[in-house]
Amino acid sequence: MNGTRLLLLSCVPMIVAVAVLLSAANRPNVRVEPMDNVGPRPVEEQTRSSIVRDYLLAWKAASGAMAQNRVDLLDSAFTGQAKDKLAGTVRQQQRLDLQTTYEDTSHHIKVLFYSPEGLSIQLADDVEYDVQLRSHGQDLGTQHVHTRYIAVLTPTESKWKVRIFQGGS
């Protein structure tokens, strides 16, 4: 028993290293332009990092909602028009028995405007992702997409949420 326990304990560092490598492999490549001249007020360092973090989490939330056909997964990252449009897409997928999986591979984020009151921030994202479509459990194919999204984020109690999410511009 002790030999088995020692063998298992000796494997833990290797398992952790593999898990870290796998999670890094699934993260998109993210490049963020400087936010020095994006409005009448400076973007504080904490705000800079939280905007990028919350925007990327919104991509994960949207991907999960589409893959699982669950509107509730949008609640953590979206509000207003963006949430309504994405929820409508999820409901339409449910009716047609479709699932869409999005895997974002790269983001090039540029903040366009930070409002004077700090109540909204607009960004452009040149994004690349793979989209896989399934119908009735059958794979219909995968397509690689390179497009631009315009997003407007607004602060909530504890994070930024995407209020406008417009793709294809």
Protein backbone atom coordinates (compact mmCIF):
# COMPACT_ATOMS: atom_id res chain seq x y z
CA MET A 1 0.00 0.00 0.00
CA ASN A 2 2.78 2.45 0.88
CA GLY A 3 4.58 1.70 -2.40
CA THR A 4 1.42 2.44 -4.37
CA ARG A 5 0.90 5.67 -2.47
CA LEU A 6 4.50 6.77 -3.13
CA LEU A 7 4.16 5.91 -6.81
CA LEU A 8 0.95 7.96 -7.06
CA LEU A 9 2.50 10.89 -5.20
CA SER A 10 5.54 10.84 -7.47
CA CYS A 11 3.23 11.12 -10.50
CA VAL A 12 1.46 14.26 -9.23
CA PRO A 13 4.05 16.78 -10.56
CA MET A 14 3.94 15.17 -14.00
CA ILE A 15 0.11 15.18 -14.03
CA VAL A 16 0.07 18.85 -13.01
CA ALA A 17 2.58 19.73 -15.74
CA VAL A 18 0.50 17.94 -18.39
CA ALA A 19 -2.68 19.68 -17.17
CA VAL A 20 -0.97 23.09 -17.36
CA LEU A 21 0.28 22.38 -20.88
CA LEU A 22 -3.15 21.21 -22.03
CA SER A 23 -4.92 24.23 -20.58
CA ALA A 24 -2.36 26.56 -22.18
CA ALA A 25 -2.86 24.79 -25.51
CA ASN A 26 -6.59 25.53 -25.35
CA ARG A 27 -6.14 29.23 -24.61
CA PRO A 28 -6.29 31.64 -27.52
CA ASN A 29 -3.37 33.84 -28.48
CA VAL A 30 -4.31 37.32 -27.24
CA ARG A 31 -2.73 40.61 -28.28
CA VAL A 32 -3.95 43.89 -26.76
CA GLU A 33 -3.11 47.29 -28.20
CA PRO A 34 -2.07 50.04 -25.76
CA MET A 35 -5.02 51.89 -24.19
CA ASP A 36 -3.34 55.26 -23.76
CA ASN A 37 -5.50 57.50 -25.99
CA VAL A 38 -8.98 55.99 -25.97
CA GLY A 39 -11.03 58.71 -24.36
CA PRO A 40 -11.13 61.74 -22.15
CA ARG A 41 -9.93 59.77 -19.14
CA PRO A 42 -7.11 57.27 -18.68
CA VAL A 43 -7.83 53.56 -18.41
CA GLU A 44 -6.52 52.41 -15.04
CA GLU A 45 -4.30 49.30 -14.97
CA GLN A 46 -6.85 47.25 -12.99
CA THR A 47 -9.56 48.24 -15.48
CA ARG A 48 -7.31 47.26 -18.41
CA SER A 49 -6.77 43.75 -17.12
CA SER A 50 -10.39 43.22 -16.03
CA ILE A 51 -11.75 44.37 -19.42
CA VAL A 52 -9.61 41.85 -21.30
CA ARG A 53 -10.27 39.07 -18.77
CA ASP A 54 -14.04 39.60 -18.75
CA TYR A 55 -14.25 39.95 -22.54
CA LEU A 56 -12.41 36.64 -23.04
CA LEU A 57 -14.64 35.01 -20.42
CA ALA A 58 -17.63 36.26 -22.43
CA TRP A 59 -16.31 34.31 -25.43
CA LYS A 60 -16.15 31.17 -23.25
CA ALA A 61 -19.67 31.79 -21.96
CA ALA A 62 -21.06 32.25 -25.47
CA SER A 63 -19.26 29.16 -26.70
CA GLY A 64 -20.63 27.09 -23.81
CA ALA A 65 -24.16 28.41 -24.34
CA MET A 66 -24.06 27.53 -28.05
CA ALA A 67 -22.47 24.10 -27.56
CA GLN A 68 -24.87 23.11 -24.78
CA ASN A 69 -27.92 25.07 -25.97
CA ARG A 70 -28.22 26.70 -22.54
CA VAL A 71 -29.32 30.33 -22.42
CA ASP A 72 -28.50 30.55 -18.70
CA LEU A 73 -24.76 30.31 -19.46
CA LEU A 74 -24.95 33.79 -20.99
CA ASP A 75 -25.99 35.40 -17.68
CA SER A 76 -22.47 35.66 -16.29
CA ALA A 77 -21.00 37.65 -19.17
CA PHE A 78 -23.72 39.33 -21.24
CA THR A 79 -26.45 41.88 -20.71
CA GLY A 80 -28.90 43.88 -22.82
CA GLN A 81 -28.89 43.60 -26.59
CA ALA A 82 -25.93 41.20 -26.76
CA LYS A 83 -27.57 38.76 -24.34
CA ASP A 84 -30.95 39.00 -26.12
CA LYS A 85 -29.45 38.29 -29.56
CA LEU A 86 -27.32 35.38 -28.35
CA ALA A 87 -30.23 33.92 -26.35
CA GLY A 88 -32.38 34.07 -29.50
CA THR A 89 -29.72 32.18 -31.42
CA VAL A 90 -29.52 29.52 -28.71
CA ARG A 91 -33.31 29.10 -28.71
CA GLN A 92 -33.34 28.77 -32.49
CA GLN A 93 -30.64 26.10 -32.27
CA GLN A 94 -32.72 24.25 -29.66
CA ARG A 95 -35.75 24.21 -32.00
CA LEU A 96 -33.65 22.90 -34.90
CA ASP A 97 -31.65 20.42 -32.75
CA LEU A 98 -28.34 22.08 -33.67
CA GLN A 99 -25.21 22.62 -31.60
CA THR A 100 -22.46 25.03 -32.53
CA THR A 101 -19.02 24.85 -30.99
CA TYR A 102 -16.75 27.88 -31.14
CA GLU A 103 -13.06 27.64 -30.33
CA ASP A 104 -11.36 31.02 -30.45
CA THR A 105 -7.72 30.72 -31.45
CA SER A 106 -6.61 34.37 -31.48
CA HIS A 107 -7.77 37.84 -30.50
CA HIS A 108 -6.25 41.19 -31.44
CA ILE A 109 -8.05 43.62 -29.17
CA LYS A 110 -8.02 47.38 -29.58
CA VAL A 111 -9.96 49.63 -27.23
CA LEU A 112 -11.65 52.35 -29.29
CA PHE A 113 -13.32 54.48 -26.62
CA TYR A 114 -13.60 54.70 -22.83
CA SER A 115 -16.49 56.90 -21.71
CA PRO A 116 -15.80 59.92 -19.46
CA GLU A 117 -17.87 58.43 -16.63
CA GLY A 118 -16.27 54.99 -16.96
CA LEU A 119 -19.67 53.43 -17.69
CA SER A 120 -18.79 51.84 -21.02
CA ILE A 121 -15.84 50.85 -23.11
CA GLN A 122 -15.89 50.03 -26.81
CA LEU A 123 -13.42 47.66 -28.37
CA ALA A 124 -12.65 46.09 -31.72
CA ASP A 125 -11.44 42.51 -31.86
CA ASP A 126 -9.86 40.93 -34.92
CA VAL A 127 -10.61 37.36 -33.95
CA GLU A 128 -9.94 33.96 -35.42
CA TYR A 129 -11.96 30.95 -34.39
CA ASP A 130 -13.08 27.53 -35.53
CA VAL A 131 -16.81 26.87 -35.63
CA GLN A 132 -18.17 23.34 -35.72
CA LEU A 133 -21.81 22.63 -36.50
CA ARG A 134 -23.67 19.50 -35.41
CA SER A 135 -27.22 18.51 -36.25
CA HIS A 136 -29.07 15.69 -34.50
CA GLY A 137 -25.70 14.50 -33.15
CA GLN A 138 -24.06 14.37 -36.59
CA ASP A 139 -21.03 16.50 -37.44
CA LEU A 140 -21.85 18.82 -40.34
CA GLY A 141 -18.37 20.31 -40.58
CA THR A 142 -15.92 22.82 -39.21
CA GLN A 143 -14.99 26.21 -40.64
CA HIS A 144 -12.13 28.54 -39.74
CA VAL A 145 -13.29 32.16 -39.44
CA HIS A 146 -11.29 35.40 -39.33
CA THR A 147 -13.49 38.42 -38.68
CA ARG A 148 -13.85 41.57 -36.62
CA TYR A 149 -16.15 42.03 -33.65
CA ILE A 150 -17.17 45.32 -32.13
CA ALA A 151 -18.15 45.07 -28.48
CA VAL A 152 -19.34 47.50 -25.86
CA LEU A 153 -18.77 46.46 -22.27
CA THR A 154 -20.42 47.98 -19.24
CA PRO A 155 -19.42 47.55 -15.59
CA THR A 156 -21.66 45.66 -13.18
CA GLU A 157 -21.26 45.05 -9.46
CA SER A 158 -18.13 42.93 -9.83
CA LYS A 159 -17.16 42.66 -13.48
CA TRP A 160 -17.59 43.98 -17.01
CA LYS A 161 -20.39 42.53 -19.13
CA VAL A 162 -20.76 42.66 -22.88
CA ARG A 163 -23.76 44.82 -23.79
CA ILE A 164 -23.25 45.02 -27.58
CA PHE A 165 -21.58 42.21 -29.55
CA GLN A 166 -21.56 42.75 -33.30
CA GLY A 167 -19.59 40.46 -35.58
CA GLY A 168 -18.62 40.48 -39.19
CA SER A 169 -17.60 44.09 -39.67
